[in-house]
Amino acid sequence: MSTKTQIGNIFHNAEKKNQYDKFIHAIQQPKMKELWDNKEGEAWNNYLKQKLTTESFIK
């Protein structure tokens, strides 16, 4: 296989991977938005952060 063919294959595979990454990202966006905009989850995370910070000062 020539070097030109190998380079062409590398670019072709990189392009395919980039398309796949874009596809996966597009599919995941609605779920990510749902999770990130979740106020209950945010409140829980804030509680855990506060609890962990408080416990680390107690020890």
Protein backbone atom coordinates (compact mmCIF):
# COMPACT_ATOMS: atom_id res chain seq x y z
CA MET A 1 0.00 0.00 0.00
CA SER A 2 1.42 3.37 -0.95
CA THR A 3 1.97 6.19 1.50
CA LYS A 4 -0.65 8.27 -0.34
CA THR A 5 -3.21 5.51 0.13
CA GLN A 6 -2.34 5.18 3.81
CA ILE A 7 -2.70 8.94 4.36
CA GLY A 8 -6.00 8.88 2.47
CA ASN A 9 -7.24 6.06 4.69
CA ILE A 10 -6.22 7.95 7.82
CA PHE A 11 -8.15 11.07 6.72
CA HIS A 12 -11.16 9.00 5.67
CA ASN A 13 -11.26 7.20 9.05
CA ALA A 14 -10.84 10.48 10.93
CA GLU A 15 -13.72 11.99 8.96
CA LYS A 16 -15.93 8.97 9.72
CA LYS A 17 -15.07 9.19 13.43
CA ASN A 18 -15.83 12.92 13.46
CA GLN A 19 -19.23 12.27 11.86
CA TYR A 20 -19.93 9.58 14.44
CA ASP A 21 -18.94 11.92 17.30
CA LYS A 22 -21.24 14.62 15.93
CA PHE A 23 -24.08 12.10 15.61
CA ILE A 24 -23.65 10.85 19.19
CA HIS A 25 -23.44 14.41 20.49
CA ALA A 26 -26.66 15.37 18.67
CA ILE A 27 -28.47 12.35 20.14
CA GLN A 28 -27.22 13.05 23.65
CA GLN A 29 -28.06 16.78 23.69
CA PRO A 30 -31.72 16.48 24.78
CA LYS A 31 -30.86 14.12 27.66
CA MET A 32 -27.90 16.26 28.72
CA LYS A 33 -30.14 19.34 28.77
CA GLU A 34 -32.72 17.45 30.83
CA LEU A 35 -30.07 16.42 33.35
CA TRP A 36 -28.35 19.80 33.50
CA ASP A 37 -31.60 21.74 33.88
CA ASN A 38 -32.83 19.44 36.64
CA LYS A 39 -33.34 21.65 39.73
CA GLU A 40 -33.80 18.67 42.06
CA GLY A 41 -30.47 17.25 40.94
CA GLU A 42 -28.81 20.61 41.41
CA ALA A 43 -30.22 20.92 44.94
CA TRP A 44 -28.98 17.40 45.76
CA ASN A 45 -25.50 18.16 44.43
CA ASN A 46 -25.34 21.37 46.46
CA TYR A 47 -26.41 19.46 49.59
CA LEU A 48 -23.71 16.83 49.02
CA LYS A 49 -21.03 19.46 48.40
CA GLN A 50 -22.00 21.27 51.61
CA LYS A 51 -22.10 18.02 53.59
CA LEU A 52 -18.70 16.90 52.29
CA THR A 53 -17.17 20.29 52.98
CA THR A 54 -18.63 20.37 56.50
CA GLU A 55 -17.50 16.82 57.27
CA SER A 56 -13.98 17.53 56.08
CA PHE A 57 -13.73 20.40 58.59
CA ILE A 58 -15.04 18.24 61.43
CA LYS A 59 -12.34 15.58 60.99
